[in-house]
Amino acid sequence: MINKRLLVKSLLSHNGENSFYDKKRMINIGSKEGKAKFLKHVCALANSNPKNRSFIVIGVSDTDNLIVGVDFFDDSKIQNLVNAYLHNAPVISYENIHFPDLEAAKVIGLVTISSSGKVCSLKKNIWKYNAGTVFIREGSISLPKDTGLVLQDLNTADVAAIELSAQNNIKLTLDGVIDFIKNRHKDLKCEYRVFKDQFVVCWAGIPKQQHNNTYFSRVDIELITEQVKLFYSDLDEVMIDFDNNSFTIIEYVSLGLGIEIKHYPLEKTQILFKENGTYRIDTTLIFSPPLFDLKLLHHVFNNCKFLVKKLENYGVFSQEERLEIDALPQTLLLCYLNGFLDAKVLLEKIKPYLKGTYTISYANLKEAQRIIRKVRYN
């Protein structure tokens, strides 16, 4: 069983960027350029490693290899993105890896790429890359390659050695459980559960009883055995359930207009543990967006456009308008879910004006964009 934090350390300390490993300060699959560059690297690494895994480590400074971290990223539909744009798409996973020196909300992202064994190429145009383009790694660079590429297996022994050095042990697991309960979440209710004598899941949050159900807020859930964060949020509420074979998370989001805010189930994640020391994560979107009267939403959307224009002009806001700014991302999200597609454009437009100035609104913005990604990729 691989300890993913040790794996990241092995990649960073023993290898410069090469044909099976890349590192990034951050990725942005919300923009066409960012999405295209991410797909380029995935395609190149898959073609350069047809018989073993390759990796992208995210949250590391390129110049000095400093671990700086990125926000927790839970886009479970990232495989759908890869499938939509790549022919002979590799199997891809994105995991959030806990590092003790990072602040609570920060992690290191680990993208693991497993080639299909066939030449991977772009299915369709994206940004400046044309459909049919094949990419491959040459040293630390992902480059387009002429047609007629023959896949070569060059890195299997190196990758196997790195993964062997990252094997988990009892001490690391026990230290992880103690750190989770005693240090990182000593102010929250913490629990742990052992599955199949091998896997340890810890979770922390503030419990709340409602209609005979227990919901948790300020939730952190981690598969300690692999040092992988499964869920982290200061905003959402979740329900947690488990039996001898599985651990289930149902995530809820709060949406509404004005003071009429309700909880809606967004996504169900189930981890299925097997007797042979493996596990599988199944994620299902269960979201049904709330629908509103279109005449009302036309009025609401026009008011949103007014607020956005005022933000762009650095206008002075009244106290009531500042409250509307806090709720602006959620309001634009509701408009988008009800067919006002320009609302997504406005969400992108307001991002630089909220960051660093409107803390609550900026957090709500990231949450709204995350929900849009999940709905679109589903």
Protein backbone atom coordinates (compact mmCIF):
# COMPACT_ATOMS: atom_id res chain seq x y z
CA MET A 1 0.00 0.00 0.00
CA ILE A 2 1.49 3.32 -1.07
CA ASN A 3 1.71 6.30 1.25
CA LYS A 4 1.03 9.13 -1.20
CA ARG A 5 2.86 11.72 0.86
CA LEU A 6 6.02 9.60 0.72
CA LEU A 7 5.46 9.16 -3.01
CA VAL A 8 5.33 12.92 -3.54
CA LYS A 9 8.47 13.38 -1.45
CA SER A 10 10.28 10.71 -3.46
CA LEU A 11 9.32 12.37 -6.72
CA LEU A 12 10.43 15.80 -5.50
CA SER A 13 13.67 14.80 -3.79
CA HIS A 14 15.13 12.20 -6.13
CA ASN A 15 14.01 13.22 -9.59
CA GLY A 16 13.92 16.35 -11.63
CA GLU A 17 11.01 16.68 -14.02
CA ASN A 18 11.30 13.94 -16.59
CA SER A 19 9.31 11.69 -18.89
CA PHE A 20 7.22 10.18 -16.06
CA TYR A 21 6.90 13.14 -13.69
CA ASP A 22 5.93 16.80 -13.94
CA LYS A 23 5.31 19.46 -11.32
CA LYS A 24 3.15 22.58 -11.41
CA ARG A 25 2.58 25.55 -9.14
CA MET A 26 -1.13 25.24 -9.94
CA ILE A 27 -3.53 24.20 -12.68
CA ASN A 28 -6.63 25.98 -13.91
CA ILE A 29 -9.07 23.78 -15.79
CA GLY A 30 -11.69 26.50 -15.59
CA SER A 31 -10.17 28.36 -18.56
CA LYS A 32 -9.64 27.04 -22.10
CA GLU A 33 -5.91 27.74 -21.95
CA GLY A 34 -5.49 26.07 -18.58
CA LYS A 35 -7.58 23.08 -19.65
CA ALA A 36 -5.60 22.71 -22.88
CA LYS A 37 -2.24 22.81 -21.11
CA PHE A 38 -3.38 20.25 -18.55
CA LEU A 39 -4.60 17.90 -21.29
CA LYS A 40 -1.32 18.37 -23.18
CA HIS A 41 0.71 17.17 -20.19
CA VAL A 42 -1.65 14.26 -19.47
CA CYS A 43 -1.43 13.16 -23.12
CA ALA A 44 2.37 13.49 -23.21
CA LEU A 45 2.92 11.57 -19.98
CA ALA A 46 0.54 8.80 -21.07
CA ASN A 47 2.41 8.39 -24.38
CA SER A 48 5.78 8.39 -22.66
CA ASN A 49 4.77 5.70 -20.14
CA PRO A 50 2.65 3.06 -21.88
CA LYS A 51 3.27 0.34 -19.26
CA ASN A 52 3.57 2.20 -15.96
CA ARG A 53 2.11 5.14 -14.09
CA SER A 54 3.21 8.74 -14.46
CA PHE A 55 2.52 11.71 -12.20
CA ILE A 56 1.87 15.44 -12.00
CA VAL A 57 2.55 17.05 -8.61
CA ILE A 58 0.62 20.30 -8.07
CA GLY A 59 1.39 22.96 -5.47
CA VAL A 60 5.18 23.06 -5.84
CA SER A 61 7.28 26.05 -6.81
CA ASP A 62 9.10 25.38 -10.09
CA THR A 63 12.20 27.38 -9.24
CA ASP A 64 13.17 26.05 -5.78
CA ASN A 65 11.01 22.93 -5.36
CA LEU A 66 9.29 24.56 -2.39
CA ILE A 67 6.05 22.91 -1.23
CA VAL A 68 3.53 25.78 -1.16
CA GLY A 69 0.24 23.88 -1.58
CA VAL A 70 -3.02 24.56 -3.40
CA ASP A 71 -6.67 24.64 -2.39
CA PHE A 72 -8.40 21.31 -1.82
CA PHE A 73 -9.71 20.20 -5.21
CA ASP A 74 -12.52 17.65 -5.34
CA ASP A 75 -13.43 17.62 -9.00
CA SER A 76 -14.37 13.95 -9.20
CA LYS A 77 -15.36 14.36 -12.85
CA ILE A 78 -11.84 15.10 -14.07
CA GLN A 79 -11.82 11.71 -15.80
CA ASN A 80 -14.84 12.86 -17.82
CA LEU A 81 -12.85 15.90 -18.98
CA VAL A 82 -9.98 13.69 -20.14
CA ASN A 83 -12.35 11.27 -21.88
CA ALA A 84 -14.08 14.15 -23.67
CA TYR A 85 -10.89 15.56 -25.21
CA LEU A 86 -8.44 12.66 -25.55
CA HIS A 87 -8.55 9.68 -27.90
CA ASN A 88 -7.29 6.51 -26.13
CA ALA A 89 -7.61 8.44 -22.89
CA PRO A 90 -5.57 7.24 -19.91
CA VAL A 91 -7.15 6.43 -16.54
CA ILE A 92 -6.53 9.47 -14.36
CA SER A 93 -7.01 10.27 -10.68
CA TYR A 94 -6.57 13.47 -8.69
CA GLU A 95 -5.78 13.11 -4.99
CA ASN A 96 -5.36 15.74 -2.28
CA ILE A 97 -2.32 14.91 -0.16
CA HIS A 98 -1.94 16.22 3.39
CA PHE A 99 1.39 17.80 4.33
CA PRO A 100 1.74 18.82 8.01
CA ASP A 101 3.54 22.10 7.37
CA LEU A 102 0.78 23.47 5.13
CA GLU A 103 -2.16 25.44 6.51
CA ALA A 104 -5.37 23.46 7.08
CA ALA A 105 -7.07 24.31 3.78
CA LYS A 106 -3.98 23.64 1.64
CA VAL A 107 -2.82 20.34 0.16
CA ILE A 108 -0.53 18.98 -2.53
CA GLY A 109 -2.39 17.73 -5.59
CA LEU A 110 -1.25 14.41 -7.05
CA VAL A 111 -2.43 13.45 -10.54
CA THR A 112 -1.77 9.79 -11.37
CA ILE A 113 -1.93 8.80 -15.05
CA SER A 114 -2.24 5.20 -16.27
CA SER A 115 -1.87 4.82 -20.04
CA SER A 116 -4.33 2.80 -22.13
CA GLY A 117 -1.31 1.28 -23.85
CA LYS A 118 -2.25 2.98 -27.12
CA VAL A 119 -1.20 6.29 -28.64
CA CYS A 120 -3.12 9.12 -26.97
CA SER A 121 -4.13 12.19 -29.01
CA LEU A 122 -6.52 15.13 -28.98
CA LYS A 123 -10.06 14.32 -30.14
CA LYS A 124 -10.97 17.91 -30.93
CA ASN A 125 -9.56 21.42 -31.09
CA ILE A 126 -8.89 23.21 -27.83
CA TRP A 127 -7.17 26.59 -27.46
CA LYS A 128 -4.27 26.59 -29.96
CA TYR A 129 -3.98 22.78 -30.20
CA ASN A 130 -5.63 21.00 -33.12
CA ALA A 131 -7.58 17.76 -33.13
CA GLY A 132 -5.33 14.79 -33.83
CA THR A 133 -2.25 16.31 -32.16
CA VAL A 134 -0.06 13.80 -30.34
CA PHE A 135 2.14 14.95 -27.44
CA ILE A 136 5.15 13.24 -25.88
CA ARG A 137 7.67 14.08 -23.17
CA GLU A 138 11.19 15.03 -24.14
CA GLY A 139 13.03 15.44 -20.86
CA SER A 140 10.94 17.81 -18.77
CA ILE A 141 8.94 19.29 -21.67
CA SER A 142 5.68 18.16 -23.28
CA LEU A 143 5.94 18.62 -27.06
CA PRO A 144 3.78 17.86 -30.11
CA LYS A 145 5.01 14.85 -32.05
CA ASP A 146 4.69 13.92 -35.68
CA THR A 147 2.33 11.10 -36.55
CA GLY A 148 3.69 7.57 -36.57
CA LEU A 149 4.69 7.57 -32.90
CA VAL A 150 5.77 4.15 -31.59
CA LEU A 151 5.26 3.84 -27.84
CA GLN A 152 8.35 2.80 -25.88
CA ASP A 153 8.57 1.42 -22.35
CA LEU A 154 11.56 3.17 -20.74
CA ASN A 155 10.59 3.98 -17.14
CA THR A 156 9.01 0.90 -15.56
CA ALA A 157 11.99 0.08 -13.32
CA ASP A 158 12.39 3.70 -12.15
CA VAL A 159 8.70 4.10 -11.29
CA ALA A 160 8.61 0.73 -9.51
CA ALA A 161 11.59 1.75 -7.35
CA ILE A 162 9.96 5.06 -6.39
CA GLU A 163 6.66 3.38 -5.50
CA LEU A 164 8.51 0.73 -3.46
CA SER A 165 10.24 3.45 -1.44
CA ALA A 166 6.83 4.97 -0.66
CA GLN A 167 5.29 1.86 0.93
CA ASN A 168 3.27 2.54 4.06
CA ASN A 169 4.02 1.15 7.54
CA ILE A 170 2.31 0.91 10.93
CA LYS A 171 4.25 3.83 12.42
CA LEU A 172 3.19 6.21 9.67
CA THR A 173 -0.45 5.15 10.07
CA LEU A 174 -0.45 5.53 13.88
CA ASP A 175 1.35 8.88 13.67
CA GLY A 176 -1.24 10.03 11.13
CA VAL A 177 -4.20 9.10 13.33
CA ILE A 178 -2.70 10.77 16.42
CA ASP A 179 -1.82 13.91 14.47
CA PHE A 180 -5.32 14.12 12.98
CA ILE A 181 -7.08 13.80 16.35
CA LYS A 182 -4.70 15.46 18.81
CA ASN A 183 -3.14 18.25 16.77
CA ARG A 184 -5.05 19.19 13.64
CA HIS A 185 -8.59 18.88 14.98
CA LYS A 186 -8.37 19.03 18.74
CA ASP A 187 -11.30 21.50 18.81
CA LEU A 188 -13.64 19.23 16.82
CA LYS A 189 -15.36 15.91 17.32
CA CYS A 190 -13.09 13.28 15.74
CA GLU A 191 -13.70 9.65 14.91
CA TYR A 192 -11.87 6.87 13.11
CA ARG A 193 -12.75 3.51 11.62
CA VAL A 194 -10.61 0.58 10.46
CA PHE A 195 -11.76 -1.30 7.35
CA LYS A 196 -10.60 -4.79 6.35
CA ASP A 197 -7.80 -4.65 8.96
CA GLN A 198 -5.81 -2.36 6.68
CA PHE A 199 -7.50 0.93 5.87
CA VAL A 200 -7.94 3.70 8.44
CA VAL A 201 -10.37 6.56 7.80
CA CYS A 202 -10.47 9.57 10.16
CA TRP A 203 -13.07 12.31 10.10
CA ALA A 204 -13.73 15.49 12.07
CA GLY A 205 -16.49 18.07 12.10
CA ILE A 206 -19.22 19.78 14.07
CA PRO A 207 -22.23 17.44 14.39
CA LYS A 208 -25.78 18.74 14.15
CA GLN A 209 -28.99 16.74 14.61
CA GLN A 210 -31.87 17.49 12.24
CA HIS A 211 -34.90 15.30 11.55
CA ASN A 212 -33.22 12.26 13.16
CA ASN A 213 -30.18 12.67 10.91
CA THR A 214 -26.66 13.80 11.85
CA TYR A 215 -24.98 16.36 9.63
CA PHE A 216 -21.38 17.56 9.94
CA SER A 217 -20.00 21.00 9.10
CA ARG A 218 -16.33 22.14 9.03
CA VAL A 219 -15.63 18.66 7.74
CA ASP A 220 -12.25 17.03 7.16
CA ILE A 221 -12.11 13.38 6.07
CA GLU A 222 -8.85 11.57 5.39
CA LEU A 223 -7.76 8.10 4.35
CA ILE A 224 -4.86 8.05 6.79
CA THR A 225 -3.32 4.90 5.36
CA GLU A 226 -2.44 6.76 2.16
CA GLN A 227 -2.37 10.34 3.53
CA VAL A 228 -5.15 11.29 1.09
CA LYS A 229 -7.78 13.87 1.98
CA LEU A 230 -11.18 12.62 0.81
CA PHE A 231 -13.17 15.74 1.69
CA TYR A 232 -12.52 19.18 3.14
CA SER A 233 -14.84 22.16 3.45
CA ASP A 234 -15.55 25.06 5.78
CA LEU A 235 -18.87 25.70 4.00
CA ASP A 236 -20.79 22.56 3.15
CA GLU A 237 -22.58 20.05 5.31
CA VAL A 238 -22.24 16.32 4.86
CA MET A 239 -23.83 13.12 6.07
CA ILE A 240 -21.48 10.24 6.91
CA ASP A 241 -22.38 6.57 6.96
CA PHE A 242 -20.36 3.36 7.02
CA ASP A 243 -20.57 -0.40 7.38
CA ASN A 244 -17.96 -3.15 7.42
CA ASN A 245 -17.19 -2.75 3.73
CA SER A 246 -17.75 0.89 2.83
CA PHE A 247 -17.58 4.52 3.90
CA THR A 248 -20.14 6.90 2.38
CA ILE A 249 -20.18 10.70 2.17
CA ILE A 250 -23.25 12.66 0.99
CA GLU A 251 -22.45 16.32 0.41
CA TYR A 252 -25.11 19.04 0.69
CA VAL A 253 -24.99 22.61 -0.60
CA SER A 254 -26.95 25.62 0.65
CA LEU A 255 -28.78 27.52 -2.08
CA GLY A 256 -31.58 30.03 -2.33
CA LEU A 257 -32.58 33.66 -2.86
CA GLY A 258 -32.62 36.14 0.00
CA ILE A 259 -33.31 34.44 3.32
CA GLU A 260 -34.95 31.40 1.67
CA ILE A 261 -31.91 29.11 1.90
CA LYS A 262 -32.29 25.33 1.75
CA HIS A 263 -29.95 22.33 1.74
CA TYR A 264 -29.76 20.29 -1.47
CA PRO A 265 -27.89 16.97 -1.83
CA LEU A 266 -25.06 17.46 -4.32
CA GLU A 267 -22.91 14.37 -4.55
CA LYS A 268 -22.55 10.90 -3.06
CA THR A 269 -19.09 9.42 -2.64
CA GLN A 270 -18.68 5.81 -1.55
CA ILE A 271 -15.38 4.10 -0.80
CA LEU A 272 -15.62 0.33 -1.18
CA PHE A 273 -12.90 -1.63 0.63
CA LYS A 274 -11.96 -5.12 -0.54
CA GLU A 275 -10.42 -8.10 1.22
CA ASN A 276 -7.45 -8.14 -1.17
CA GLY A 277 -6.06 -4.83 0.11
CA THR A 278 -7.55 -2.60 -2.58
CA TYR A 279 -10.37 -0.07 -2.63
CA ARG A 280 -12.58 1.69 -5.16
CA ILE A 281 -14.15 5.15 -4.97
CA ASP A 282 -17.51 5.63 -6.68
CA THR A 283 -18.87 9.16 -7.03
CA THR A 284 -22.40 9.97 -8.16
CA LEU A 285 -23.87 13.41 -8.75
CA ILE A 286 -27.34 13.46 -7.13
CA PHE A 287 -28.02 17.17 -7.55
CA SER A 288 -31.37 18.51 -8.72
CA PRO A 289 -31.06 22.32 -8.90
CA PRO A 290 -33.89 24.42 -7.44
CA LEU A 291 -36.06 26.07 -10.08
CA PHE A 292 -37.46 29.59 -9.80
CA ASP A 293 -39.94 31.77 -11.66
CA LEU A 294 -38.18 33.12 -14.75
CA LYS A 295 -39.68 36.61 -14.41
CA LEU A 296 -38.29 36.82 -10.89
CA LEU A 297 -34.89 35.60 -12.08
CA HIS A 298 -34.77 38.18 -14.89
CA HIS A 299 -35.08 40.86 -12.23
CA VAL A 300 -32.50 39.12 -10.03
CA PHE A 301 -30.05 38.68 -12.92
CA ASN A 302 -30.33 42.34 -13.92
CA ASN A 303 -29.50 43.31 -10.35
CA CYS A 304 -26.49 40.98 -10.49
CA LYS A 305 -25.26 42.70 -13.64
CA PHE A 306 -25.63 46.06 -11.90
CA LEU A 307 -23.51 44.86 -8.97
CA VAL A 308 -20.87 43.41 -11.30
CA LYS A 309 -20.62 46.68 -13.22
CA LYS A 310 -20.25 48.57 -9.95
CA LEU A 311 -17.48 46.17 -8.86
CA GLU A 312 -15.65 46.78 -12.14
CA ASN A 313 -15.88 50.53 -11.60
CA TYR A 314 -14.75 50.23 -7.96
CA GLY A 315 -17.97 51.81 -6.77
CA VAL A 316 -18.93 52.46 -3.14
CA PHE A 317 -21.47 49.97 -1.81
CA SER A 318 -24.14 50.49 0.81
CA GLN A 319 -24.40 48.05 3.70
CA GLU A 320 -27.30 46.28 1.98
CA GLU A 321 -25.32 46.02 -1.27
CA ARG A 322 -22.34 44.54 0.57
CA LEU A 323 -24.60 41.75 1.81
CA GLU A 324 -25.73 41.23 -1.78
CA ILE A 325 -22.07 41.05 -2.85
CA ASP A 326 -21.50 38.26 -0.31
CA ALA A 327 -24.39 36.33 -1.85
CA LEU A 328 -23.60 37.31 -5.47
CA PRO A 329 -21.77 34.09 -6.48
CA GLN A 330 -24.58 31.89 -5.16
CA THR A 331 -27.18 34.08 -6.86
CA LEU A 332 -25.32 33.89 -10.19
CA LEU A 333 -25.03 30.12 -9.73
CA LEU A 334 -28.81 29.84 -9.34
CA CYS A 335 -29.30 31.97 -12.44
CA TYR A 336 -26.91 29.72 -14.40
CA LEU A 337 -28.67 26.55 -13.22
CA ASN A 338 -31.97 28.04 -14.38
CA GLY A 339 -30.76 28.73 -17.91
CA PHE A 340 -29.04 32.14 -17.65
CA LEU A 341 -25.77 30.91 -19.16
CA ASP A 342 -24.16 34.37 -19.14
CA ALA A 343 -24.09 34.08 -15.35
CA LYS A 344 -21.03 31.83 -15.67
CA VAL A 345 -19.22 34.58 -17.59
CA LEU A 346 -20.01 37.05 -14.81
CA LEU A 347 -18.63 34.64 -12.21
CA GLU A 348 -15.30 34.61 -14.03
CA LYS A 349 -15.39 38.38 -14.43
CA ILE A 350 -15.83 39.20 -10.73
CA LYS A 351 -13.07 36.88 -9.46
CA PRO A 352 -10.21 39.45 -9.40
CA TYR A 353 -12.44 42.05 -7.74
CA LEU A 354 -13.48 39.73 -4.89
CA LYS A 355 -10.12 38.16 -4.11
CA GLY A 356 -8.49 39.76 -1.09
CA THR A 357 -11.34 42.23 -0.55
CA TYR A 358 -14.59 40.31 -0.14
CA THR A 359 -13.53 37.19 1.78
CA ILE A 360 -16.98 35.61 2.14
CA SER A 361 -17.95 36.31 -1.44
CA TYR A 362 -14.66 34.93 -2.78
CA ALA A 363 -15.16 31.67 -0.84
CA ASN A 364 -18.69 31.46 -2.23
CA LEU A 365 -17.33 32.10 -5.73
CA LYS A 366 -14.96 29.12 -5.57
CA GLU A 367 -17.82 26.99 -4.29
CA ALA A 368 -20.13 28.11 -7.11
CA GLN A 369 -17.52 27.37 -9.77
CA ARG A 370 -16.89 23.94 -8.27
CA ILE A 371 -20.59 23.06 -8.48
CA ILE A 372 -20.75 24.26 -12.10
CA ARG A 373 -17.77 22.03 -13.00
CA LYS A 374 -19.44 19.01 -11.41
CA VAL A 375 -22.74 19.63 -13.21
CA ARG A 376 -21.08 20.24 -16.59
CA TYR A 377 -18.74 17.23 -16.48
CA ASN A 378 -21.53 14.96 -15.36
